[in-house]
């Protein structure tokens, strides 16, 4: 009987241990959800609103891009000045798949660079930087298109109709501001095992994306961001 009691008492911790192990496995199943929730909770207020703007742009970009995007012909020649302030609310992509893909990339940049800038410098500085980069970048975009449209012909007409839209331009501008203020000498280039000078990081990343097609809006906001960061 004593041996049976010892065996029973010895089996009980094993059973309890198995139950705890089962609970640990079940709890681990929600770890991805927990990490997503923690990531969202770590994003400051203004950056969260920027994520909402990305979502709005995906929807409005499918049917309102023609009315809200910024371009030389409508903004300047047709005096539709509101386009200078509304183009961020429409995605530059022309189809749903591309709009969702660019939106996901925007969210990744917001959760990294924009979150760090707002956390380090404060929400008011971040909001001010966003406004300056966005509006000044839009003006620089119109100036560039206006100068290139003087070439005339088909190229000049194309430059007067090319549009600036979406959040990529302002995000790159904010990225430039953060990197200009950073004290780190080098930073990793995306997920690649390559270290590049921190202050050159936004420009190098923008040049990579220009290989898929020149985005004058991104270039304009990048210039505005570098100017603001140096100031």
Protein backbone atom coordinates (compact mmCIF):
# COMPACT_ATOMS: atom_id res chain seq x y z
CA UNK A 1 0.00 0.00 0.00
CA UNK A 2 2.82 2.38 0.86
CA UNK A 3 4.41 1.70 -2.51
CA UNK A 4 1.10 2.43 -4.22
CA UNK A 5 0.85 5.69 -2.30
CA UNK A 6 4.36 6.66 -3.33
CA UNK A 7 3.62 5.81 -6.96
CA UNK A 8 0.40 7.79 -6.83
CA UNK A 9 2.12 10.79 -5.29
CA UNK A 10 4.90 10.55 -7.85
CA UNK A 11 2.46 10.44 -10.75
CA UNK A 12 0.53 13.46 -9.62
CA UNK A 13 3.29 16.04 -10.31
CA UNK A 14 3.80 14.51 -13.74
CA UNK A 15 0.12 14.92 -14.54
CA UNK A 16 0.16 18.48 -13.25
CA UNK A 17 3.26 19.21 -15.23
CA UNK A 18 1.58 17.88 -18.36
CA UNK A 19 -1.42 20.10 -17.76
CA UNK A 20 0.79 23.15 -17.33
CA UNK A 21 2.66 22.28 -20.50
CA UNK A 22 -0.62 22.06 -22.36
CA UNK A 23 -1.66 25.46 -21.12
CA UNK A 24 1.71 26.88 -22.21
CA UNK A 25 1.19 25.54 -25.72
CA UNK A 26 -2.31 26.96 -25.86
CA UNK A 27 -1.07 30.31 -24.55
CA UNK A 28 1.68 30.38 -27.13
CA UNK A 29 -0.92 30.15 -29.88
CA UNK A 30 -2.00 33.73 -29.20
CA UNK A 31 1.53 35.13 -29.19
CA UNK A 32 1.23 36.57 -32.71
CA UNK A 33 -1.93 38.44 -31.73
CA UNK A 34 -0.20 39.69 -28.59
CA UNK A 35 2.79 40.91 -30.58
CA UNK A 36 0.52 42.73 -33.05
CA UNK A 37 -1.35 44.33 -30.16
CA UNK A 38 1.92 45.39 -28.54
CA UNK A 39 3.17 46.81 -31.84
CA UNK A 40 -0.02 48.84 -32.28
CA UNK A 41 0.09 50.03 -28.67
CA UNK A 42 3.70 51.21 -29.14
CA UNK A 43 2.74 53.52 -32.04
CA UNK A 44 2.19 57.11 -30.81
CA UNK A 45 -0.99 59.09 -31.45
CA UNK A 46 -0.18 61.07 -34.61
CA UNK A 47 1.50 58.08 -36.24
CA UNK A 48 -1.67 56.08 -35.59
CA UNK A 49 -3.71 58.74 -37.38
CA UNK A 50 -1.25 58.44 -40.26
CA UNK A 51 -2.05 54.71 -40.40
CA UNK A 52 -5.75 55.62 -40.63
CA UNK A 53 -4.92 57.97 -43.51
CA UNK A 54 -3.23 55.06 -45.31
CA UNK A 55 -6.43 53.03 -44.95
CA UNK A 56 -8.57 55.93 -46.21
CA UNK A 57 -6.22 56.33 -49.17
CA UNK A 58 -6.63 52.69 -50.17
CA UNK A 59 -10.41 53.14 -50.40
CA UNK A 60 -10.60 56.65 -51.87
CA UNK A 61 -7.79 55.94 -54.32
CA UNK A 62 -10.04 53.53 -56.19
CA UNK A 63 -12.59 56.18 -57.23
CA UNK A 64 -11.50 59.66 -56.07
CA UNK A 65 -7.87 59.86 -57.13
CA UNK A 66 -8.82 61.94 -60.18
CA UNK A 67 -10.44 64.60 -57.95
CA UNK A 68 -7.98 64.76 -55.05
CA UNK A 69 -4.48 64.05 -56.42
CA UNK A 70 -2.04 66.93 -56.84
CA UNK A 71 -0.88 67.76 -60.35
CA UNK A 72 0.21 70.86 -62.23
CA UNK A 73 -2.69 71.03 -64.67
CA UNK A 74 -5.52 70.98 -62.13
CA UNK A 75 -3.85 72.46 -59.04
CA UNK A 76 -2.24 75.45 -60.78
CA UNK A 77 -3.75 75.92 -64.22
CA UNK A 78 -7.33 75.15 -63.06
CA UNK A 79 -6.88 76.82 -59.64
CA UNK A 80 -7.92 73.68 -57.70
CA UNK A 81 -5.66 74.56 -54.78
CA UNK A 82 -7.30 72.06 -52.43
CA UNK A 83 -5.39 69.29 -54.21
CA UNK A 84 -2.26 70.51 -52.46
CA UNK A 85 -3.83 69.36 -49.16
CA UNK A 86 -5.97 66.38 -50.20
CA UNK A 87 -3.54 64.27 -52.21
CA UNK A 88 -2.38 62.34 -49.13
CA UNK A 89 -5.90 60.89 -48.77
CA UNK A 90 -5.77 58.93 -52.04
CA UNK A 91 -3.43 56.10 -52.93
CA UNK A 92 -1.19 56.53 -55.94
CA UNK A 93 -1.84 52.90 -56.97
CA UNK A 94 -4.46 52.38 -59.66
CA UNK A 95 -5.65 48.88 -58.70
CA UNK A 96 -6.76 47.31 -55.38
CA UNK A 97 -3.86 44.84 -55.11
CA UNK A 98 -1.19 47.51 -55.59
CA UNK A 99 -3.03 49.87 -53.23
CA UNK A 100 -3.12 47.24 -50.46
CA UNK A 101 0.52 46.30 -51.04
CA UNK A 102 1.73 49.91 -50.88
CA UNK A 103 -0.48 50.43 -47.83
CA UNK A 104 1.17 47.53 -46.00
CA UNK A 105 4.61 48.88 -46.84
CA UNK A 106 3.52 52.30 -45.56
CA UNK A 107 2.38 50.72 -42.29
CA UNK A 108 5.77 49.06 -41.85
CA UNK A 109 7.55 52.38 -42.36
CA UNK A 110 5.18 54.15 -39.99
CA UNK A 111 5.66 51.51 -37.30
CA UNK A 112 9.44 51.92 -37.60
CA UNK A 113 10.63 55.37 -38.70
CA UNK A 114 7.58 57.52 -37.91
CA UNK A 115 7.11 55.86 -34.53
CA UNK A 116 10.75 56.49 -33.62
CA UNK A 117 10.63 60.14 -34.74
CA UNK A 118 7.46 60.88 -32.77
CA UNK A 119 8.71 58.99 -29.71
CA UNK A 120 12.09 60.76 -29.71
CA UNK A 121 10.96 64.30 -30.63
CA UNK A 122 7.36 64.42 -29.37
CA UNK A 123 3.97 64.49 -31.06
CA UNK A 124 3.88 68.25 -31.66
CA UNK A 125 7.24 68.22 -33.44
CA UNK A 126 6.14 65.20 -35.45
CA UNK A 127 2.87 66.89 -36.47
CA UNK A 128 4.74 70.07 -37.43
CA UNK A 129 7.26 68.06 -39.46
CA UNK A 130 4.49 66.15 -41.21
CA UNK A 131 2.72 69.37 -42.20
CA UNK A 132 5.89 71.06 -43.44
CA UNK A 133 7.11 68.03 -45.38
CA UNK A 134 3.67 67.42 -46.89
CA UNK A 135 2.85 70.97 -48.01
CA UNK A 136 6.38 72.04 -48.93
CA UNK A 137 6.89 68.76 -50.76
CA UNK A 138 3.72 69.41 -52.74
CA UNK A 139 4.91 72.88 -53.71
CA UNK A 140 8.34 71.56 -54.75
CA UNK A 141 6.57 68.89 -56.80
CA UNK A 142 4.59 71.54 -58.69
CA UNK A 143 7.74 73.58 -59.31
CA UNK A 144 9.60 70.56 -60.69
CA UNK A 145 6.69 69.61 -62.94
CA UNK A 146 6.31 73.20 -64.07
CA UNK A 147 9.95 73.51 -65.05
CA UNK A 148 9.97 70.17 -66.86
CA UNK A 149 6.70 70.99 -68.66
CA UNK A 150 8.50 73.88 -70.36
CA UNK A 151 10.19 71.25 -72.54
CA UNK A 152 6.94 71.13 -74.48
CA UNK A 153 5.68 68.36 -76.70
CA UNK A 154 4.46 65.09 -75.33
CA UNK A 155 6.91 65.14 -72.44
CA UNK A 156 5.78 68.59 -71.33
CA UNK A 157 2.13 67.54 -71.44
CA UNK A 158 2.91 64.41 -69.42
CA UNK A 159 4.69 66.44 -66.74
CA UNK A 160 1.70 68.74 -66.41
CA UNK A 161 -0.60 65.76 -65.83
CA UNK A 162 1.59 63.53 -63.64
CA UNK A 163 0.10 63.19 -60.15
CA UNK A 164 1.38 63.29 -56.60
CA UNK A 165 -0.71 61.17 -54.24
CA UNK A 166 -0.49 58.85 -51.25
CA UNK A 167 1.59 58.68 -48.09
CA UNK A 168 4.90 57.43 -49.48
CA UNK A 169 6.21 60.94 -50.15
CA UNK A 170 5.47 62.35 -46.68
CA UNK A 171 6.74 59.18 -45.00
CA UNK A 172 10.05 59.44 -46.86
CA UNK A 173 10.23 63.10 -45.90
CA UNK A 174 9.73 62.21 -42.22
CA UNK A 175 12.32 59.46 -42.61
CA UNK A 176 14.78 62.09 -43.85
CA UNK A 177 14.01 64.32 -40.84
CA UNK A 178 14.61 61.45 -38.40
CA UNK A 179 17.86 60.40 -40.04
CA UNK A 180 19.18 63.97 -40.12
CA UNK A 181 18.50 64.26 -36.37
CA UNK A 182 19.89 60.82 -35.53
CA UNK A 183 23.20 60.47 -33.72
CA UNK A 184 23.83 56.97 -35.06
CA UNK A 185 26.57 56.93 -37.72
CA UNK A 186 25.18 53.94 -39.64
CA UNK A 187 21.90 52.07 -39.97
CA UNK A 188 20.82 48.79 -41.51
CA UNK A 189 19.40 48.96 -45.03
CA UNK A 190 15.93 47.46 -44.54
CA UNK A 191 16.29 43.72 -43.82
CA UNK A 192 19.58 43.40 -45.70
CA UNK A 193 22.85 42.76 -43.85
CA UNK A 194 24.21 46.07 -45.12
CA UNK A 195 25.13 49.11 -43.05
CA UNK A 196 24.80 52.52 -44.73
CA UNK A 197 25.40 56.06 -43.39
CA UNK A 198 22.29 57.03 -41.45
CA UNK A 199 21.93 60.44 -43.10
CA UNK A 200 22.08 58.83 -46.55
CA UNK A 201 19.67 56.02 -45.71
CA UNK A 202 16.43 57.70 -47.00
CA UNK A 203 18.12 58.77 -50.24
CA UNK A 204 19.55 55.29 -50.89
CA UNK A 205 16.16 53.69 -50.17
CA UNK A 206 14.39 56.20 -52.43
CA UNK A 207 16.82 55.52 -55.28
CA UNK A 208 16.05 51.81 -55.00
CA UNK A 209 12.35 52.51 -55.37
CA UNK A 210 12.98 54.88 -58.28
CA UNK A 211 14.18 51.84 -60.24
CA UNK A 212 10.52 50.75 -60.38
CA UNK A 213 9.43 54.12 -61.74
CA UNK A 214 10.30 57.74 -61.03
CA UNK A 215 8.13 59.21 -58.28
CA UNK A 216 8.54 62.99 -58.29
CA UNK A 217 6.29 63.30 -55.25
CA UNK A 218 8.63 61.12 -53.20
CA UNK A 219 11.66 63.08 -54.42
CA UNK A 220 10.00 66.40 -53.56
CA UNK A 221 9.02 65.37 -50.02
CA UNK A 222 12.47 63.88 -49.51
CA UNK A 223 14.05 67.24 -50.38
CA UNK A 224 11.66 68.98 -47.98
CA UNK A 225 12.54 66.49 -45.24
CA UNK A 226 16.29 66.96 -45.67
CA UNK A 227 15.87 70.76 -45.55
CA UNK A 228 13.75 70.56 -42.40
CA UNK A 229 16.16 68.13 -40.74
CA UNK A 230 19.14 70.39 -41.43
CA UNK A 231 17.23 73.43 -40.17
